[in-house]
Amino acid sequence: MLLAAITAILVIPVPAAADVQGGESLTGQIRAPGSDEGVEGIDITVTRDGADIGTATTDSAGEWTVELPEPGDYRVVLDAESVPDEFTLRAKPGPERDVTVREGRSFTVVFPLVPAGQEDVESTPSSPSPDDGDADGASPGEGSTPVGDEDEGVVEAPGVEAGTPFGSKVLQLALSGVIFGLIIAISAVGLSLIFGTTRMINFAHGDMVTFGAMMAMMFSNMALFSSFNALFDGVPVLDFATNPLVIGLLLAVVLGGLLGAGMERFLWRPLRRRNVALIQMFIVTIGLALILRHLLLVAFDARRTKYPEFRIQEMMQLGPFAITSRDLTILLLSIVVLVAVASMLQLTRIGKAMRAVSDNRDLAESSGIDVDRVTLYVWGLGGALSALGGVFLGLNQTVYWQMGFHLLLLMFAAVILGGLGTAYGAMVGGLVIGLIAQLSTLWFAPQLMNAWALAIMIIVLLVRPQGILGRRERVG
C-alpha cells in the first residue's frame, strides 16, 4: 500500500532531463550577467569535422538543445552577432568550444555573457554550481564536463579558489562547513529520534532525503505554479510566497512527513506487533532504501540538475566571508528550523513525550504515554525534516538520485558522534562533521573529506563511547 502510494506520486509526468540511457545531446542556458533571466534569440551551431550537425536558438529562458547522432568530438559555435547589443561574450573562453560527448550522455556548454564593453574583465567569483546552467559542475567560463563524471559525495565550497590567502580559505571553508553541517543536522535529527524511540536503524533515511529534493524539483518545474506566481509578479511578499520553489519546498516537506508516517503506520508498526527482530527490520530498511532509490531513478533519471531559479548567483561580501544569497538563506532557515525543533522538544507536550519515549520506551508506556502515537509523530517529523534537508542540499549542491545515499554515512556519523537517540546530539554532531569535512580540504584531497569526518568520529568514540552528548548506559 505504501509503495503503491509512492509509485503513484513518482509517475506523475514531470519535465525530464535528457535520458542518460538514450541518445547524446548538447545543451546549455545563456543568462543575462548577474541575473537568472535567460537571453532569447542567440544562435548556436554544432559541427563535426567541418560538417553541420545541428543548430539551435535560445528560447525565452535562454535554453537550447542540439541532439547528436552519436558520441564523439564536436565543435560548438555561438553566433556573436546574435547576442543582444547590451551584452557581449566574455573574451575567455570565447564563442567556440570543442567538446567530447560520451555514449548516452548529455553535455552542457557554458557561454558566459558580460555587459557590453567588459569582455576582458574577469567575472566575479560565483558559487560553484554543478548546474551553472548545466548539470556537470562547470563554473562560469571554465567549461563543462559530461553528466555523470562528478566526484560522488564531494561537497564544494564557494569562494575558495587557487591563490586565495590561507586565512581567507580557513574562514570560507569554515562557513561552508557550518552550512553543510546544518544540512546534515536537519537531516539527521529525524534519524536520531527514530532510533531513540524504536531502537531501529533506518537505512532508508538517506533516500527520504532524496525524495524531498526530487519532489521539490518536480513541483517547482510545474507550469501551474509558475503561472500562479506570475499573477503576483512584483508584489513584495506574495511574489516570494508564491515562488514555485517555495511552494515545492512546502509540498515536499508535507509529502516527506506523510512518507515517514506512512512507513510507520503500514510497515514498521505491523512488523513490531509481529515481534519481528530488529536485525530483520534493519534488512527491511535496506530493501526499502533500494526500492525508493530506484523508483526515483526511473522517474527522474540519473542526470544531475539544480532548481531552475537558483543556478547562478553572485557572491556578496559579509565582512571576511563571501556568500551567495541562496546559501545565506539556507544558513538562516536551518538555524531557525533547528531552534524550532529544539524548542518543540523542550516546551511542548508532544516534544516531552518524544524525549520520554526515547529515554525509556517501557517506562513511558507505563506512565500513560501513547507510545504508538508518539512513534507515528516521530516518523512524520523525521520524514519532514529529511525532505527539508534534501531541498537545502539540492539548493546548496545538486539534485540527483543518489544524493541522500551519499549523505547517509555522514548522517550516521553525526548521530553516533553526537550521541545515539538524542536530537541535540545529532545537531552538534552534524556541525562537527560538516566542519571537519570542509576544513580537511585545506590539506587533503576533496575526495577524502568524508573519510576524515568518519575518522574523527572513530577517534572521539574511542575516548567517549557514548558520544558528545550521550549518556553511559548499563548493559546486561
Protein backbone atom coordinates (compact mmCIF):
# COMPACT_ATOMS: atom_id res chain seq x y z
CA MET A 1 0.00 0.00 0.00
CA LEU A 2 2.79 2.40 0.98
CA LEU A 3 4.90 1.55 -2.06
CA ALA A 4 1.86 1.89 -4.31
CA ALA A 5 1.30 5.42 -3.00
CA ILE A 6 4.95 6.34 -3.57
CA THR A 7 4.84 4.91 -7.09
CA ALA A 8 1.68 6.90 -7.87
CA ILE A 9 3.45 10.12 -6.89
CA LEU A 10 6.59 9.32 -8.85
CA VAL A 11 4.84 8.50 -12.11
CA ILE A 12 3.31 11.98 -12.36
CA PRO A 13 4.73 13.43 -15.60
CA VAL A 14 7.49 15.96 -14.96
CA PRO A 15 9.84 17.86 -17.26
CA ALA A 16 12.53 15.26 -17.75
CA ALA A 17 16.19 15.85 -18.35
CA ALA A 18 17.98 14.18 -21.21
CA ASP A 19 17.68 10.44 -20.98
CA VAL A 20 21.06 9.19 -19.84
CA GLN A 21 20.21 5.76 -21.11
CA GLY A 22 19.39 7.05 -24.59
CA GLY A 23 20.84 9.42 -27.20
CA GLU A 24 23.52 12.05 -26.82
CA SER A 25 22.91 15.79 -26.81
CA LEU A 26 24.46 19.20 -26.22
CA THR A 27 22.56 21.63 -24.03
CA GLY A 28 23.01 24.99 -22.37
CA GLN A 29 21.35 28.01 -20.88
CA ILE A 30 22.54 31.55 -21.55
CA ARG A 31 21.63 34.14 -18.94
CA ALA A 32 21.96 37.87 -18.59
CA PRO A 33 25.00 38.77 -16.44
CA GLY A 34 24.21 38.94 -12.73
CA SER A 35 20.70 37.63 -13.30
CA ASP A 36 18.76 34.38 -13.58
CA GLU A 37 16.87 35.70 -16.63
CA GLY A 38 17.56 33.88 -19.89
CA VAL A 39 18.63 35.68 -23.06
CA GLU A 40 16.46 34.81 -26.06
CA GLY A 41 17.41 34.66 -29.73
CA ILE A 42 21.09 33.65 -29.57
CA ASP A 43 22.08 31.19 -32.31
CA ILE A 44 24.17 28.08 -31.61
CA THR A 45 25.71 25.84 -34.28
CA VAL A 46 27.22 22.39 -33.71
CA THR A 47 29.69 20.97 -36.24
CA ARG A 48 31.85 17.90 -36.61
CA ASP A 49 34.80 17.68 -38.99
CA GLY A 50 33.53 20.78 -40.77
CA ALA A 51 30.01 19.40 -41.33
CA ASP A 52 26.97 20.96 -39.67
CA ILE A 53 25.30 18.64 -37.15
CA GLY A 54 22.56 20.92 -35.93
CA THR A 55 21.57 24.43 -34.92
CA ALA A 56 19.51 25.87 -32.08
CA THR A 57 18.29 29.25 -30.88
CA THR A 58 17.86 30.08 -27.21
CA ASP A 59 14.26 30.32 -26.04
CA SER A 60 12.74 32.80 -23.58
CA ALA A 61 14.50 31.00 -20.71
CA GLY A 62 17.84 31.15 -22.54
CA GLU A 63 17.88 27.37 -23.03
CA TRP A 64 18.98 25.45 -26.13
CA THR A 65 19.47 21.81 -27.09
CA VAL A 66 21.02 20.06 -30.06
CA GLU A 67 20.55 16.31 -30.44
CA LEU A 68 23.64 14.43 -31.64
CA PRO A 69 23.80 11.40 -33.94
CA GLU A 70 26.47 9.60 -31.90
CA PRO A 71 29.17 10.08 -29.26
CA GLY A 72 32.38 11.84 -30.27
CA ASP A 73 34.15 15.17 -30.63
CA TYR A 74 32.13 18.22 -31.62
CA ARG A 75 32.62 21.95 -32.01
CA VAL A 76 30.02 24.32 -30.56
CA VAL A 77 29.93 27.83 -32.04
CA LEU A 78 27.91 30.75 -30.73
CA ASP A 79 27.00 33.42 -33.29
CA ALA A 80 28.32 36.56 -31.61
CA GLU A 81 26.24 38.76 -33.93
CA SER A 82 23.04 37.26 -32.50
CA VAL A 83 23.91 38.43 -28.97
CA PRO A 84 21.82 41.49 -27.95
CA ASP A 85 23.70 44.79 -28.14
CA GLU A 86 23.66 45.34 -24.36
CA PHE A 87 25.68 42.14 -23.82
CA THR A 88 28.82 40.61 -25.20
CA LEU A 89 30.63 37.31 -24.85
CA ARG A 90 33.42 37.12 -22.31
CA ALA A 91 36.77 37.04 -24.12
CA LYS A 92 37.63 33.73 -22.49
CA PRO A 93 36.55 31.06 -23.35
CA GLY A 94 35.13 32.86 -26.41
CA PRO A 95 32.44 31.85 -28.92
CA GLU A 96 33.85 28.43 -29.91
CA ARG A 97 34.10 25.33 -27.73
CA ASP A 98 35.47 21.88 -28.54
CA VAL A 99 33.76 19.17 -26.51
CA THR A 100 33.76 15.39 -26.23
CA VAL A 101 30.43 13.69 -25.65
CA ARG A 102 30.33 10.17 -24.27
CA GLU A 103 27.80 7.50 -25.10
CA GLY A 104 24.38 8.08 -23.58
CA ARG A 105 25.45 11.38 -22.03
CA SER A 106 24.22 14.94 -22.21
CA PHE A 107 26.95 17.59 -22.27
CA THR A 108 26.21 21.13 -21.10
CA VAL A 109 28.18 24.01 -22.61
CA VAL A 110 28.50 27.33 -20.79
CA PHE A 111 28.73 30.61 -22.72
CA PRO A 112 29.00 33.42 -20.12
CA LEU A 113 27.83 36.91 -21.09
CA VAL A 114 29.05 40.20 -19.64
CA PRO A 115 27.81 43.78 -20.08
CA ALA A 116 28.93 45.35 -23.36
CA GLY A 117 32.48 46.70 -23.16
CA GLN A 118 33.55 44.41 -20.32
CA GLU A 119 34.50 41.31 -22.27
CA ASP A 120 38.08 41.41 -20.93
CA VAL A 121 37.05 41.80 -17.29
CA GLU A 122 37.26 38.69 -15.15
CA SER A 123 33.97 37.57 -13.75
CA THR A 124 33.05 37.93 -10.11
CA PRO A 125 33.52 34.59 -8.39
CA SER A 126 30.19 32.87 -8.13
CA SER A 127 29.01 29.95 -6.13
CA PRO A 128 30.30 26.75 -7.70
CA SER A 129 27.20 25.17 -9.02
CA PRO A 130 27.19 21.77 -10.59
CA ASP A 131 24.41 23.16 -12.69
CA ASP A 132 25.68 26.54 -13.76
CA GLY A 133 23.03 26.29 -16.36
CA ASP A 134 24.46 22.83 -16.66
CA ALA A 135 24.40 19.54 -14.88
CA ASP A 136 28.02 18.84 -14.69
CA GLY A 137 29.94 21.04 -12.36
CA ALA A 138 31.35 23.72 -14.64
CA SER A 139 31.92 27.16 -13.24
CA PRO A 140 31.20 30.13 -15.46
CA GLY A 141 33.75 30.33 -18.19
CA GLU A 142 35.55 27.16 -17.16
CA GLY A 143 33.90 24.72 -19.49
CA SER A 144 31.78 21.68 -18.84
CA THR A 145 32.12 18.01 -18.19
CA PRO A 146 29.76 15.23 -19.15
CA VAL A 147 26.95 14.32 -16.83
CA GLY A 148 27.97 11.51 -14.56
CA ASP A 149 31.71 12.37 -14.28
CA GLU A 150 31.41 14.18 -10.95
CA ASP A 151 33.22 13.08 -7.80
CA GLU A 152 30.48 11.36 -5.86
CA GLY A 153 29.78 12.79 -2.41
CA VAL A 154 32.25 15.69 -2.76
CA VAL A 155 30.78 18.97 -1.49
CA GLU A 156 32.39 22.10 -2.89
CA ALA A 157 32.97 25.34 -1.00
CA PRO A 158 32.10 28.60 -2.80
CA GLY A 159 34.63 31.41 -2.87
CA VAL A 160 37.67 29.16 -2.40
CA GLU A 161 39.91 29.27 -5.44
CA ALA A 162 43.57 28.80 -6.29
CA GLY A 163 45.60 31.73 -4.98
CA THR A 164 43.19 32.58 -2.14
CA PRO A 165 45.16 33.51 1.02
CA PHE A 166 45.29 30.75 3.63
CA GLY A 167 43.42 32.78 6.27
CA SER A 168 40.62 33.54 3.83
CA LYS A 169 40.45 29.87 2.86
CA VAL A 170 40.05 28.87 6.51
CA LEU A 171 37.20 31.35 7.07
CA GLN A 172 35.47 30.45 3.83
CA LEU A 173 35.74 26.70 4.41
CA ALA A 174 34.53 27.13 7.99
CA LEU A 175 31.44 28.96 6.68
CA SER A 176 30.83 26.24 4.10
CA GLY A 177 31.34 23.63 6.82
CA VAL A 178 28.73 25.27 9.03
CA ILE A 179 26.20 25.34 6.17
CA PHE A 180 26.94 21.72 5.24
CA GLY A 181 26.84 20.73 8.91
CA LEU A 182 23.45 22.37 9.41
CA ILE A 183 22.08 20.46 6.42
CA ILE A 184 23.43 17.21 7.90
CA ALA A 185 21.96 18.14 11.30
CA ILE A 186 18.47 18.82 9.90
CA SER A 187 18.53 15.53 8.01
CA ALA A 188 19.97 13.55 10.95
CA VAL A 189 17.63 14.76 13.71
CA GLY A 190 14.83 12.50 12.49
CA LEU A 191 17.23 9.58 12.13
CA SER A 192 18.32 10.01 15.75
CA LEU A 193 14.77 10.39 17.08
CA ILE A 194 13.63 7.30 15.18
CA PHE A 195 16.46 5.27 16.69
CA GLY A 196 15.69 6.67 20.12
CA THR A 197 12.00 5.74 20.04
CA THR A 198 12.20 2.41 18.19
CA ARG A 199 15.87 1.30 18.52
CA MET A 200 15.74 0.72 14.76
CA ILE A 201 18.41 1.90 12.32
CA ASN A 202 16.61 3.34 9.29
CA PHE A 203 18.85 2.72 6.29
CA ALA A 204 16.20 4.29 4.02
CA HIS A 205 16.62 7.69 5.66
CA GLY A 206 19.07 8.87 3.01
CA ASP A 207 16.60 8.09 0.25
CA MET A 208 13.94 10.02 2.15
CA VAL A 209 16.31 12.99 1.79
CA THR A 210 16.46 12.39 -1.97
CA PHE A 211 12.67 12.03 -2.07
CA GLY A 212 12.22 15.52 -0.62
CA ALA A 213 14.66 17.08 -3.07
CA MET A 214 13.05 15.34 -6.05
CA MET A 215 9.53 16.28 -5.01
CA ALA A 216 10.53 19.93 -4.67
CA MET A 217 12.14 19.75 -8.11
CA MET A 218 9.01 18.23 -9.62
CA PHE A 219 6.64 20.83 -8.15
CA SER A 220 8.94 23.80 -8.86
CA ASN A 221 9.02 22.83 -12.55
CA MET A 222 5.24 22.65 -12.90
CA ALA A 223 3.78 25.27 -15.23
CA LEU A 224 0.75 25.54 -12.93
CA PHE A 225 2.79 27.06 -10.10
CA SER A 226 4.79 29.27 -12.46
CA SER A 227 1.55 30.69 -13.88
CA PHE A 228 0.20 31.20 -10.36
CA ASN A 229 3.37 33.04 -9.34
CA ALA A 230 3.10 35.28 -12.42
CA LEU A 231 -0.21 36.66 -11.08
CA PHE A 232 1.69 38.20 -8.14
CA ASP A 233 4.76 39.36 -10.03
CA GLY A 234 6.16 42.48 -8.35
CA VAL A 235 4.01 42.17 -5.20
CA PRO A 236 6.66 42.20 -2.41
CA VAL A 237 5.53 39.39 -0.10
CA LEU A 238 3.21 37.40 -2.34
CA ASP A 239 5.77 37.25 -5.15
CA PHE A 240 8.13 35.33 -2.86
CA ALA A 241 5.42 33.30 -1.11
CA THR A 242 4.07 32.01 -4.42
CA ASN A 243 7.51 31.29 -5.89
CA PRO A 244 7.33 27.78 -7.42
CA LEU A 245 10.30 26.61 -5.35
CA VAL A 246 8.77 27.89 -2.10
CA ILE A 247 5.55 26.05 -2.91
CA GLY A 248 7.57 23.00 -3.98
CA LEU A 249 9.54 23.06 -0.73
CA LEU A 250 6.39 23.18 1.40
CA LEU A 251 4.74 20.38 -0.56
CA ALA A 252 7.93 18.31 -0.40
CA VAL A 253 8.09 18.69 3.39
CA VAL A 254 4.43 17.64 3.69
CA LEU A 255 4.97 14.62 1.41
CA GLY A 256 8.15 13.71 3.31
CA GLY A 257 6.19 13.75 6.57
CA LEU A 258 3.44 11.64 5.04
CA LEU A 259 6.03 9.20 3.68
CA GLY A 260 7.61 8.78 7.11
CA ALA A 261 4.25 8.47 8.87
CA GLY A 262 3.03 6.02 6.20
CA MET A 263 6.09 3.83 6.69
CA GLU A 264 5.45 3.70 10.42
CA ARG A 265 1.70 3.11 10.18
CA PHE A 266 1.64 0.48 7.44
CA LEU A 267 5.05 -1.17 7.70
CA TRP A 268 7.00 -0.80 10.93
CA ARG A 269 4.10 -0.91 13.40
CA PRO A 270 2.71 -4.17 11.95
CA LEU A 271 6.22 -5.66 11.96
CA ARG A 272 6.73 -4.69 15.61
CA ARG A 273 3.40 -6.21 16.57
CA ARG A 274 4.54 -9.45 14.95
CA ASN A 275 7.67 -9.30 17.13
CA VAL A 276 9.99 -9.09 14.14
CA ALA A 277 13.58 -8.81 15.37
CA LEU A 278 15.44 -5.53 14.96
CA ILE A 279 18.07 -7.10 12.71
CA GLN A 280 15.31 -8.30 10.37
CA MET A 281 13.74 -4.83 10.34
CA PHE A 282 17.16 -3.38 9.58
CA ILE A 283 17.38 -5.62 6.49
CA VAL A 284 13.89 -4.44 5.50
CA THR A 285 15.09 -0.81 5.66
CA ILE A 286 17.92 -1.67 3.25
CA GLY A 287 15.43 -3.22 0.82
CA LEU A 288 13.10 -0.24 1.18
CA ALA A 289 16.00 2.12 0.50
CA LEU A 290 16.87 0.28 -2.71
CA ILE A 291 13.24 0.30 -3.88
CA LEU A 292 12.75 4.00 -3.18
CA ARG A 293 16.12 4.94 -4.70
CA HIS A 294 15.48 3.12 -7.95
CA LEU A 295 11.91 4.37 -8.20
CA LEU A 296 13.37 7.87 -8.09
CA LEU A 297 15.94 6.88 -10.71
CA VAL A 298 13.23 5.57 -13.05
CA ALA A 299 11.02 8.63 -12.52
CA PHE A 300 13.68 11.34 -12.78
CA ASP A 301 16.67 9.59 -14.45
CA ALA A 302 20.31 9.93 -13.35
CA ARG A 303 21.08 13.42 -14.57
CA ARG A 304 22.21 15.96 -12.00
CA THR A 305 20.34 19.24 -12.04
CA LYS A 306 19.64 22.35 -9.99
CA TYR A 307 16.48 24.15 -9.02
CA PRO A 308 15.79 26.39 -12.03
CA GLU A 309 15.81 29.78 -10.30
CA PHE A 310 18.99 29.30 -8.26
CA ARG A 311 21.68 28.14 -10.67
CA ILE A 312 23.98 31.16 -10.95
CA GLN A 313 24.32 33.61 -8.07
CA GLU A 314 26.86 36.33 -7.43
CA MET A 315 28.84 36.28 -4.21
CA MET A 316 28.24 39.06 -1.70
CA GLN A 317 30.77 40.09 0.92
CA LEU A 318 29.80 39.96 4.60
CA GLY A 319 32.92 41.05 6.45
CA PRO A 320 35.60 38.41 5.79
CA PHE A 321 33.06 35.97 4.33
CA ALA A 322 31.86 35.63 0.74
CA ILE A 323 28.44 34.01 0.42
CA THR A 324 25.56 33.87 -2.03
CA SER A 325 22.08 34.99 -1.04
CA ARG A 326 20.98 31.37 -1.61
CA ASP A 327 23.47 29.95 0.90
CA LEU A 328 22.75 32.74 3.38
CA THR A 329 19.06 31.83 3.20
CA ILE A 330 19.89 28.16 3.78
CA LEU A 331 22.06 29.11 6.76
CA LEU A 332 19.41 31.28 8.42
CA LEU A 333 16.49 28.93 7.72
CA SER A 334 18.46 25.94 9.00
CA ILE A 335 19.18 27.73 12.28
CA VAL A 336 15.51 28.72 12.61
CA VAL A 337 14.34 25.14 11.94
CA LEU A 338 16.79 23.58 14.42
CA VAL A 339 15.88 26.12 17.11
CA ALA A 340 12.18 25.42 16.44
CA VAL A 341 12.73 21.65 16.72
CA ALA A 342 14.71 22.07 19.95
CA SER A 343 12.00 24.35 21.39
CA MET A 344 9.32 21.84 20.41
CA LEU A 345 11.18 19.03 22.16
CA GLN A 346 11.71 21.11 25.30
CA LEU A 347 8.49 23.06 25.65
CA THR A 348 5.60 21.19 24.04
CA ARG A 349 3.70 18.22 25.40
CA ILE A 350 4.38 16.03 22.36
CA GLY A 351 8.05 17.04 22.43
CA LYS A 352 8.40 15.99 26.05
CA ALA A 353 6.62 12.74 25.22
CA MET A 354 9.10 12.12 22.37
CA ARG A 355 12.03 12.61 24.74
CA ALA A 356 10.41 10.37 27.33
CA VAL A 357 9.86 7.54 24.85
CA SER A 358 13.40 7.99 23.57
CA ASP A 359 14.83 7.78 27.10
CA ASN A 360 12.83 4.71 28.18
CA ARG A 361 10.05 3.35 25.99
CA ASP A 362 8.68 0.89 28.56
CA LEU A 363 8.65 3.42 31.39
CA ALA A 364 6.96 5.99 29.16
CA GLU A 365 4.26 3.49 28.21
CA SER A 366 3.67 2.53 31.84
CA SER A 367 3.31 6.24 32.64
CA GLY A 368 0.32 6.52 30.32
CA ILE A 369 2.02 7.87 27.19
CA ASP A 370 0.54 6.56 23.93
CA VAL A 371 3.82 5.20 22.59
CA ASP A 372 2.39 4.23 19.19
CA ARG A 373 1.05 7.72 18.61
CA VAL A 374 4.34 9.31 19.68
CA THR A 375 6.28 6.97 17.38
CA LEU A 376 3.98 7.94 14.50
CA TYR A 377 4.69 11.63 15.15
CA VAL A 378 8.43 10.93 15.34
CA TRP A 379 8.38 9.23 11.94
CA GLY A 380 6.33 12.08 10.48
CA LEU A 381 8.72 14.68 11.92
CA GLY A 382 11.73 12.67 10.75
CA GLY A 383 10.34 12.37 7.23
CA ALA A 384 9.52 16.08 7.04
CA LEU A 385 12.98 17.12 8.28
CA SER A 386 14.73 14.72 5.92
CA ALA A 387 12.75 16.19 3.00
CA LEU A 388 13.67 19.71 4.09
CA GLY A 389 17.32 18.70 4.38
CA GLY A 390 17.12 17.26 0.87
CA VAL A 391 15.81 20.53 -0.56
CA PHE A 392 18.54 22.52 1.21
CA LEU A 393 21.21 20.09 0.00
CA GLY A 394 19.85 20.35 -3.54
CA LEU A 395 19.96 24.15 -3.34
CA ASN A 396 23.50 24.14 -1.97
CA GLN A 397 24.79 21.48 -4.37
CA THR A 398 22.85 19.44 -6.93
CA VAL A 399 19.80 17.20 -7.11
CA TYR A 400 20.40 13.63 -8.25
CA TRP A 401 19.10 10.18 -7.43
CA GLN A 402 21.91 9.14 -5.05
CA MET A 403 22.35 12.40 -3.17
CA GLY A 404 20.74 11.10 0.03
CA PHE A 405 22.61 7.82 -0.14
CA HIS A 406 25.91 9.71 -0.30
CA LEU A 407 24.82 11.79 2.71
CA LEU A 408 23.69 8.77 4.72
CA LEU A 409 27.08 7.83 6.21
CA LEU A 410 27.62 11.42 7.31
CA MET A 411 24.19 11.41 8.97
CA PHE A 412 25.05 8.19 10.77
CA ALA A 413 28.38 9.72 11.79
CA ALA A 414 26.61 12.81 13.14
CA VAL A 415 24.13 10.72 15.14
CA ILE A 416 26.81 8.44 16.59
CA LEU A 417 29.24 11.29 17.29
CA GLY A 418 26.59 13.40 18.99
CA GLY A 419 25.06 10.52 20.94
CA LEU A 420 22.65 7.86 19.77
CA GLY A 421 18.99 8.65 20.26
CA THR A 422 19.35 12.33 21.17
CA ALA A 423 18.20 15.05 18.78
CA TYR A 424 20.58 17.60 20.28
CA GLY A 425 23.46 15.21 19.75
CA ALA A 426 22.56 14.92 16.06
CA MET A 427 22.61 18.72 15.78
CA VAL A 428 26.04 19.03 17.40
CA GLY A 429 27.39 16.00 15.56
CA GLY A 430 26.19 17.35 12.23
CA LEU A 431 28.00 20.66 12.74
CA VAL A 432 31.22 18.89 13.78
CA ILE A 433 31.10 16.53 10.79
CA GLY A 434 30.40 19.38 8.36
CA LEU A 435 33.26 21.50 9.68
CA ILE A 436 35.78 18.65 9.66
CA ALA A 437 34.76 17.57 6.15
CA GLN A 438 35.27 21.06 4.70
CA LEU A 439 38.36 22.10 6.69
CA SER A 440 40.14 18.85 5.81
CA THR A 441 40.33 20.06 2.19
CA LEU A 442 42.90 22.64 3.30
CA TRP A 443 45.50 19.87 3.43
CA PHE A 444 44.00 16.82 1.74
CA ALA A 445 42.20 15.99 -1.49
CA PRO A 446 38.47 16.85 -1.50
CA GLN A 447 37.71 13.20 -2.32
CA LEU A 448 38.89 12.33 1.23
CA MET A 449 36.70 14.88 3.03
CA ASN A 450 34.11 12.33 4.15
CA ALA A 451 36.79 9.83 5.16
CA TRP A 452 38.38 12.32 7.56
CA ALA A 453 34.98 13.14 9.07
CA LEU A 454 34.38 9.45 9.74
CA ALA A 455 37.94 9.05 11.10
CA ILE A 456 37.36 11.84 13.65
CA MET A 457 34.13 10.12 14.68
CA ILE A 458 36.05 6.90 15.38
CA ILE A 459 38.70 8.76 17.39
CA VAL A 460 36.08 10.58 19.51
CA LEU A 461 34.23 7.31 20.19
CA LEU A 462 37.45 5.68 21.37
CA VAL A 463 37.71 8.41 24.00
CA ARG A 464 33.97 8.87 24.72
CA PRO A 465 31.98 5.84 23.50
CA GLN A 466 28.59 7.38 24.32
CA GLY A 467 29.22 10.34 22.02
CA ILE A 468 29.45 14.04 22.77
CA LEU A 469 26.01 14.43 24.38
CA GLY A 470 25.22 10.76 25.02
CA ARG A 471 24.94 9.11 28.41
CA ARG A 472 26.61 6.00 29.71
CA GLU A 473 24.19 3.08 29.95
CA ARG A 474 24.41 -0.17 31.85
CA VAL A 475 24.43 -3.16 29.52
CA GLY A 476 23.12 -6.50 30.77
